[in-house]
């Protein structure tokens, strides 16, 4: 349960209720299923305590997600890995199901924590995941060598899109700070574990 309660639909303003409606619809389309617990849009309900901030955050996310210079598979990989590194339970649950619904295998999801040792990902994908790990660290640790490797695989436009997406992923810290837990989108299925000390030796878990 989140540390603060989100704004219930019956207490939300007209625009916020509209956001709730489209978010639930979008979640169903991306995941192909209903959440096992809660509304499935708990982060948005918490953001709704500040409607203007919620609106600004939504517009930024929408703008980033409308970019299409990078293929969807790679963007889903990068986003899920970023969420894993932040340790956001809501996001790894959601992201695991979005990846599965888009065609990822259970084996690929289980290989995510140790992607460098897996033959399920291309060198291009592994380099993007290396970049994700470097960007998500505090402080950021993108070396000249890593950036040069990225440039071997991605154009300037793609580099901006990937880095903008990781900026969006950093918003997952909001969910982690408020203790927003899993909505159970991956209930009963393979789910990438959050990258936390207690899970350091875990390669995969069942949601």
C-alpha atoms as a PDB file:
ATOM      1  CA  UNK A   1       0.000   0.000   0.000  1.00  0.00           C
ATOM      2  CA  UNK A   2       1.266   3.465  -0.884  1.00  0.00           C
ATOM      3  CA  UNK A   3       2.377   5.775   1.912  1.00  0.00           C
ATOM      4  CA  UNK A   4      -0.368   8.234   0.975  1.00  0.00           C
ATOM      5  CA  UNK A   5      -3.747   7.514  -0.562  1.00  0.00           C
ATOM      6  CA  UNK A   6      -4.327   8.613  -4.133  1.00  0.00           C
ATOM      7  CA  UNK A   7      -7.230  10.858  -5.090  1.00  0.00           C
ATOM      8  CA  UNK A   8     -10.355   8.673  -5.449  1.00  0.00           C
ATOM      9  CA  UNK A   9     -12.270   9.034  -8.686  1.00  0.00           C
ATOM     10  CA  UNK A  10     -15.351  10.418  -6.936  1.00  0.00           C
ATOM     11  CA  UNK A  11     -13.237  13.204  -5.406  1.00  0.00           C
ATOM     12  CA  UNK A  12     -11.293  14.045  -8.558  1.00  0.00           C
ATOM     13  CA  UNK A  13     -12.040  16.933 -10.908  1.00  0.00           C
ATOM     14  CA  UNK A  14     -13.378  16.379 -14.452  1.00  0.00           C
ATOM     15  CA  UNK A  15      -9.957  16.510 -16.142  1.00  0.00           C
ATOM     16  CA  UNK A  16      -8.425  14.142 -13.611  1.00  0.00           C
ATOM     17  CA  UNK A  17     -11.272  11.666 -14.082  1.00  0.00           C
ATOM     18  CA  UNK A  18     -10.644  11.841 -17.823  1.00  0.00           C
ATOM     19  CA  UNK A  19      -6.961  11.092 -17.240  1.00  0.00           C
ATOM     20  CA  UNK A  20      -7.939   8.114 -15.068  1.00  0.00           C
ATOM     21  CA  UNK A  21     -10.201   6.779 -17.829  1.00  0.00           C
ATOM     22  CA  UNK A  22      -7.573   6.978 -20.557  1.00  0.00           C
ATOM     23  CA  UNK A  23      -4.818   5.646 -18.301  1.00  0.00           C
ATOM     24  CA  UNK A  24      -6.851   2.537 -17.426  1.00  0.00           C
ATOM     25  CA  UNK A  25      -7.657   2.037 -21.096  1.00  0.00           C
ATOM     26  CA  UNK A  26      -4.001   2.443 -22.041  1.00  0.00           C
ATOM     27  CA  UNK A  27      -2.831   0.026 -19.344  1.00  0.00           C
ATOM     28  CA  UNK A  28      -5.244  -2.644 -20.593  1.00  0.00           C
ATOM     29  CA  UNK A  29      -3.993  -2.193 -24.159  1.00  0.00           C
ATOM     30  CA  UNK A  30      -0.306  -2.368 -23.182  1.00  0.00           C
ATOM     31  CA  UNK A  31      -0.592  -5.296 -20.764  1.00  0.00           C
ATOM     32  CA  UNK A  32      -3.453  -7.286 -22.261  1.00  0.00           C
ATOM     33  CA  UNK A  33      -4.925  -7.919 -18.815  1.00  0.00           C
ATOM     34  CA  UNK A  34      -6.401  -6.342 -15.719  1.00  0.00           C
ATOM     35  CA  UNK A  35      -4.349  -5.671 -12.557  1.00  0.00           C
ATOM     36  CA  UNK A  36      -4.650  -8.326  -9.854  1.00  0.00           C
ATOM     37  CA  UNK A  37      -5.032  -5.677  -7.172  1.00  0.00           C
ATOM     38  CA  UNK A  38      -5.943  -2.027  -7.019  1.00  0.00           C
ATOM     39  CA  UNK A  39      -6.810   0.231  -9.920  1.00  0.00           C
ATOM     40  CA  UNK A  40      -3.574  -0.355 -11.803  1.00  0.00           C
ATOM     41  CA  UNK A  41      -2.976   3.404 -12.043  1.00  0.00           C
ATOM     42  CA  UNK A  42      -1.962   4.115  -8.439  1.00  0.00           C
ATOM     43  CA  UNK A  43       0.974   6.413  -9.385  1.00  0.00           C
ATOM     44  CA  UNK A  44      -1.354   8.685 -11.364  1.00  0.00           C
ATOM     45  CA  UNK A  45      -3.812   8.769  -8.473  1.00  0.00           C
ATOM     46  CA  UNK A  46      -1.024   9.981  -6.172  1.00  0.00           C
ATOM     47  CA  UNK A  47       0.166  12.542  -8.750  1.00  0.00           C
ATOM     48  CA  UNK A  48      -3.459  13.774  -8.841  1.00  0.00           C
ATOM     49  CA  UNK A  49      -2.955  15.557  -5.511  1.00  0.00           C
ATOM     50  CA  UNK A  50      -1.169  18.106  -7.731  1.00  0.00           C
ATOM     51  CA  UNK A  51      -3.182  18.174 -11.002  1.00  0.00           C
ATOM     52  CA  UNK A  52      -0.898  20.692 -12.724  1.00  0.00           C
ATOM     53  CA  UNK A  53       2.158  18.582 -11.962  1.00  0.00           C
ATOM     54  CA  UNK A  54       0.298  15.475 -13.122  1.00  0.00           C
ATOM     55  CA  UNK A  55      -0.580  17.225 -16.380  1.00  0.00           C
ATOM     56  CA  UNK A  56       2.984  18.427 -16.977  1.00  0.00           C
ATOM     57  CA  UNK A  57       4.428  15.011 -16.242  1.00  0.00           C
ATOM     58  CA  UNK A  58       1.905  13.399 -18.587  1.00  0.00           C
ATOM     59  CA  UNK A  59       2.672  15.778 -21.456  1.00  0.00           C
ATOM     60  CA  UNK A  60       6.399  15.155 -21.131  1.00  0.00           C
ATOM     61  CA  UNK A  61       5.911  11.386 -21.091  1.00  0.00           C
ATOM     62  CA  UNK A  62       3.564  11.557 -24.069  1.00  0.00           C
ATOM     63  CA  UNK A  63       6.041  13.612 -26.091  1.00  0.00           C
ATOM     64  CA  UNK A  64       8.876  11.174 -25.380  1.00  0.00           C
ATOM     65  CA  UNK A  65       6.763   8.112 -26.155  1.00  0.00           C
ATOM     66  CA  UNK A  66       5.658   9.534 -29.498  1.00  0.00           C
ATOM     67  CA  UNK A  67       9.258   9.465 -30.751  1.00  0.00           C
ATOM     68  CA  UNK A  68       9.837   6.527 -33.094  1.00  0.00           C
ATOM     69  CA  UNK A  69      13.487   6.501 -34.154  1.00  0.00           C
ATOM     70  CA  UNK A  70      14.162   3.510 -31.877  1.00  0.00           C
ATOM     71  CA  UNK A  71      12.383   0.154 -32.198  1.00  0.00           C
ATOM     72  CA  UNK A  72       9.823  -0.782 -29.540  1.00  0.00           C
ATOM     73  CA  UNK A  73      11.629  -3.899 -28.357  1.00  0.00           C
ATOM     74  CA  UNK A  74      14.729  -1.939 -27.428  1.00  0.00           C
ATOM     75  CA  UNK A  75      12.716   0.804 -25.734  1.00  0.00           C
ATOM     76  CA  UNK A  76      10.842  -1.776 -23.647  1.00  0.00           C
ATOM     77  CA  UNK A  77      14.161  -3.391 -22.674  1.00  0.00           C
ATOM     78  CA  UNK A  78      15.700  -0.076 -21.647  1.00  0.00           C
ATOM     79  CA  UNK A  79      12.622   1.019 -19.712  1.00  0.00           C
ATOM     80  CA  UNK A  80      12.308  -2.258 -17.815  1.00  0.00           C
ATOM     81  CA  UNK A  81      16.017  -2.314 -16.941  1.00  0.00           C
ATOM     82  CA  UNK A  82      15.835   1.277 -15.723  1.00  0.00           C
ATOM     83  CA  UNK A  83      12.840   0.512 -13.520  1.00  0.00           C
ATOM     84  CA  UNK A  84      14.640  -2.549 -12.146  1.00  0.00           C
ATOM     85  CA  UNK A  85      17.665  -0.453 -11.187  1.00  0.00           C
ATOM     86  CA  UNK A  86      15.497   2.108  -9.377  1.00  0.00           C
ATOM     87  CA  UNK A  87      13.787  -0.713  -7.482  1.00  0.00           C
ATOM     88  CA  UNK A  88      10.247   0.358  -8.367  1.00  0.00           C
ATOM     89  CA  UNK A  89       7.967  -2.624  -7.672  1.00  0.00           C
ATOM     90  CA  UNK A  90       5.027  -1.116  -9.553  1.00  0.00           C
ATOM     91  CA  UNK A  91       7.151  -0.495 -12.647  1.00  0.00           C
ATOM     92  CA  UNK A  92       8.925  -3.857 -12.872  1.00  0.00           C
ATOM     93  CA  UNK A  93       5.593  -5.635 -12.463  1.00  0.00           C
ATOM     94  CA  UNK A  94       3.992  -3.473 -15.137  1.00  0.00           C
ATOM     95  CA  UNK A  95       7.051  -3.450 -17.395  1.00  0.00           C
ATOM     96  CA  UNK A  96       7.463  -7.230 -17.239  1.00  0.00           C
ATOM     97  CA  UNK A  97       3.893  -7.745 -18.438  1.00  0.00           C
ATOM     98  CA  UNK A  98       4.196  -5.075 -21.160  1.00  0.00           C
ATOM     99  CA  UNK A  99       7.344  -6.825 -22.442  1.00  0.00           C
ATOM    100  CA  UNK A 100       5.645 -10.239 -22.306  1.00  0.00           C
ATOM    101  CA  UNK A 101       2.550  -8.894 -24.069  1.00  0.00           C
ATOM    102  CA  UNK A 102       4.763  -7.436 -26.813  1.00  0.00           C
ATOM    103  CA  UNK A 103       6.460 -10.777 -27.486  1.00  0.00           C
ATOM    104  CA  UNK A 104       9.262 -11.214 -24.949  1.00  0.00           C
ATOM    105  CA  UNK A 105       9.797 -14.757 -23.678  1.00  0.00           C
ATOM    106  CA  UNK A 106      10.015 -15.754 -20.021  1.00  0.00           C
ATOM    107  CA  UNK A 107      13.640 -16.723 -20.662  1.00  0.00           C
ATOM    108  CA  UNK A 108      14.429 -13.188 -21.826  1.00  0.00           C
ATOM    109  CA  UNK A 109      12.816 -11.659 -18.754  1.00  0.00           C
ATOM    110  CA  UNK A 110      14.712 -14.018 -16.442  1.00  0.00           C
ATOM    111  CA  UNK A 111      17.966 -13.158 -18.231  1.00  0.00           C
ATOM    112  CA  UNK A 112      17.571  -9.397 -17.675  1.00  0.00           C
ATOM    113  CA  UNK A 113      19.525  -9.170 -14.380  1.00  0.00           C
ATOM    114  CA  UNK A 114      22.531 -10.839 -16.074  1.00  0.00           C
ATOM    115  CA  UNK A 115      21.982  -9.728 -19.651  1.00  0.00           C
ATOM    116  CA  UNK A 116      25.719  -9.531 -20.456  1.00  0.00           C
ATOM    117  CA  UNK A 117      26.081 -13.301 -19.979  1.00  0.00           C
ATOM    118  CA  UNK A 118      22.990 -14.121 -22.066  1.00  0.00           C
ATOM    119  CA  UNK A 119      22.855 -14.980 -25.767  1.00  0.00           C
ATOM    120  CA  UNK A 120      19.211 -13.883 -25.903  1.00  0.00           C
ATOM    121  CA  UNK A 121      20.152 -10.246 -26.518  1.00  0.00           C
ATOM    122  CA  UNK A 122      22.080  -8.731 -29.407  1.00  0.00           C
ATOM    123  CA  UNK A 123      25.271  -6.738 -28.856  1.00  0.00           C
ATOM    124  CA  UNK A 124      23.290  -3.616 -29.791  1.00  0.00           C
ATOM    125  CA  UNK A 125      20.754  -4.371 -27.061  1.00  0.00           C
ATOM    126  CA  UNK A 126      23.461  -5.191 -24.515  1.00  0.00           C
ATOM    127  CA  UNK A 127      25.198  -1.892 -25.247  1.00  0.00           C
ATOM    128  CA  UNK A 128      21.911  -0.021 -24.734  1.00  0.00           C
ATOM    129  CA  UNK A 129      21.440  -1.857 -21.425  1.00  0.00           C
ATOM    130  CA  UNK A 130      25.009  -0.932 -20.391  1.00  0.00           C
ATOM    131  CA  UNK A 131      24.117   2.679 -21.179  1.00  0.00           C
ATOM    132  CA  UNK A 132      20.897   2.365 -19.179  1.00  0.00           C
ATOM    133  CA  UNK A 133      22.791   1.117 -16.133  1.00  0.00           C
ATOM    134  CA  UNK A 134      25.298   3.965 -16.437  1.00  0.00           C
ATOM    135  CA  UNK A 135      22.644   6.660 -16.845  1.00  0.00           C
ATOM    136  CA  UNK A 136      20.577   5.387 -13.929  1.00  0.00           C
ATOM    137  CA  UNK A 137      23.491   5.443 -11.490  1.00  0.00           C
ATOM    138  CA  UNK A 138      23.939   8.364  -9.109  1.00  0.00           C
ATOM    139  CA  UNK A 139      26.068  10.123 -10.148  1.00  0.00           C
ATOM    140  CA  UNK A 140      25.693   9.260 -13.824  1.00  0.00           C
ATOM    141  CA  UNK A 141      28.620   7.122 -15.041  1.00  0.00           C
ATOM    142  CA  UNK A 142      28.518   7.358 -18.838  1.00  0.00           C
ATOM    143  CA  UNK A 143      32.163   7.100 -19.852  1.00  0.00           C
ATOM    144  CA  UNK A 144      33.604   8.282 -23.165  1.00  0.00           C
ATOM    145  CA  UNK A 145      34.235   4.634 -24.054  1.00  0.00           C
ATOM    146  CA  UNK A 146      30.609   3.656 -23.405  1.00  0.00           C
ATOM    147  CA  UNK A 147      29.301   6.651 -25.324  1.00  0.00           C
ATOM    148  CA  UNK A 148      31.545   5.732 -28.269  1.00  0.00           C
ATOM    149  CA  UNK A 149      30.159   2.182 -28.218  1.00  0.00           C
ATOM    150  CA  UNK A 150      26.623   3.566 -28.245  1.00  0.00           C
ATOM    151  CA  UNK A 151      27.487   5.734 -31.238  1.00  0.00           C
ATOM    152  CA  UNK A 152      28.515   2.597 -33.139  1.00  0.00           C
ATOM    153  CA  UNK A 153      24.903   1.404 -32.931  1.00  0.00           C
ATOM    154  CA  UNK A 154      22.747   4.525 -32.659  1.00  0.00           C
ATOM    155  CA  UNK A 155      22.354   7.841 -34.488  1.00  0.00           C
ATOM    156  CA  UNK A 156      22.282  11.192 -32.697  1.00  0.00           C
ATOM    157  CA  UNK A 157      18.475  11.219 -32.958  1.00  0.00           C
ATOM    158  CA  UNK A 158      18.268   7.760 -31.432  1.00  0.00           C
ATOM    159  CA  UNK A 159      20.674   8.703 -28.654  1.00  0.00           C
ATOM    160  CA  UNK A 160      18.455  11.632 -27.704  1.00  0.00           C
ATOM    161  CA  UNK A 161      15.343   9.428 -27.763  1.00  0.00           C
ATOM    162  CA  UNK A 162      16.911   6.729 -25.587  1.00  0.00           C
ATOM    163  CA  UNK A 163      18.271   9.255 -23.080  1.00  0.00           C
ATOM    164  CA  UNK A 164      14.937  11.106 -22.964  1.00  0.00           C
ATOM    165  CA  UNK A 165      13.205   7.790 -22.272  1.00  0.00           C
ATOM    166  CA  UNK A 166      15.599   7.142 -19.389  1.00  0.00           C
ATOM    167  CA  UNK A 167      14.751  10.604 -18.051  1.00  0.00           C
ATOM    168  CA  UNK A 168      11.101   9.490 -18.041  1.00  0.00           C
ATOM    169  CA  UNK A 169      12.088   6.244 -16.314  1.00  0.00           C
ATOM    170  CA  UNK A 170      13.732   8.303 -13.580  1.00  0.00           C
ATOM    171  CA  UNK A 171      10.236   9.476 -12.682  1.00  0.00           C
ATOM    172  CA  UNK A 172       9.797   5.962 -11.284  1.00  0.00           C
ATOM    173  CA  UNK A 173      11.648   7.275  -8.230  1.00  0.00           C
ATOM    174  CA  UNK A 174       8.359   9.019  -7.410  1.00  0.00           C
ATOM    175  CA  UNK A 175       6.656   5.620  -7.121  1.00  0.00           C
ATOM    176  CA  UNK A 176       9.483   4.127  -5.068  1.00  0.00           C
ATOM    177  CA  UNK A 177       9.506   7.091  -2.666  1.00  0.00           C
ATOM    178  CA  UNK A 178       5.776   6.745  -2.030  1.00  0.00           C
ATOM    179  CA  UNK A 179       6.027   2.974  -1.613  1.00  0.00           C
ATOM    180  CA  UNK A 180       3.655   2.263  -4.499  1.00  0.00           C
ATOM    181  CA  UNK A 181       3.750  -1.515  -4.805  1.00  0.00           C
ATOM    182  CA  UNK A 182       2.962  -4.004  -7.525  1.00  0.00           C
ATOM    183  CA  UNK A 183      -0.502  -3.933  -9.095  1.00  0.00           C
ATOM    184  CA  UNK A 184      -0.178  -7.601 -10.007  1.00  0.00           C
ATOM    185  CA  UNK A 185      -0.074  -7.233 -13.786  1.00  0.00           C
ATOM    186  CA  UNK A 186       2.444 -10.119 -13.768  1.00  0.00           C
ATOM    187  CA  UNK A 187       0.495 -12.104 -11.170  1.00  0.00           C
ATOM    188  CA  UNK A 188       1.293 -15.818 -11.548  1.00  0.00           C
ATOM    189  CA  UNK A 189       3.926 -15.201 -14.229  1.00  0.00           C
ATOM    190  CA  UNK A 190       7.626 -14.407 -14.514  1.00  0.00           C
ATOM    191  CA  UNK A 191       8.479 -10.915 -13.316  1.00  0.00           C
ATOM    192  CA  UNK A 192      11.884  -9.202 -13.329  1.00  0.00           C
ATOM    193  CA  UNK A 193      12.856  -8.519  -9.680  1.00  0.00           C
ATOM    194  CA  UNK A 194      13.669  -4.989  -8.472  1.00  0.00           C
ATOM    195  CA  UNK A 195      17.432  -4.535  -8.152  1.00  0.00           C
ATOM    196  CA  UNK A 196      17.720  -4.248  -4.394  1.00  0.00           C
ATOM    197  CA  UNK A 197      20.315  -5.678  -1.967  1.00  0.00           C
ATOM    198  CA  UNK A 198      17.896  -8.363  -0.753  1.00  0.00           C
ATOM    199  CA  UNK A 199      17.441  -9.499  -4.353  1.00  0.00           C
ATOM    200  CA  UNK A 200      21.075  -9.317  -5.409  1.00  0.00           C
ATOM    201  CA  UNK A 201      21.348 -13.076  -5.844  1.00  0.00           C
ATOM    202  CA  UNK A 202      17.926 -13.529  -7.464  1.00  0.00           C
ATOM    203  CA  UNK A 203      17.746 -14.112 -11.197  1.00  0.00           C
ATOM    204  CA  UNK A 204      13.965 -14.131 -11.478  1.00  0.00           C
ATOM    205  CA  UNK A 205      10.748 -14.425  -9.534  1.00  0.00           C
ATOM    206  CA  UNK A 206       7.164 -15.338 -10.068  1.00  0.00           C
ATOM    207  CA  UNK A 207       4.726 -12.433  -9.647  1.00  0.00           C
END
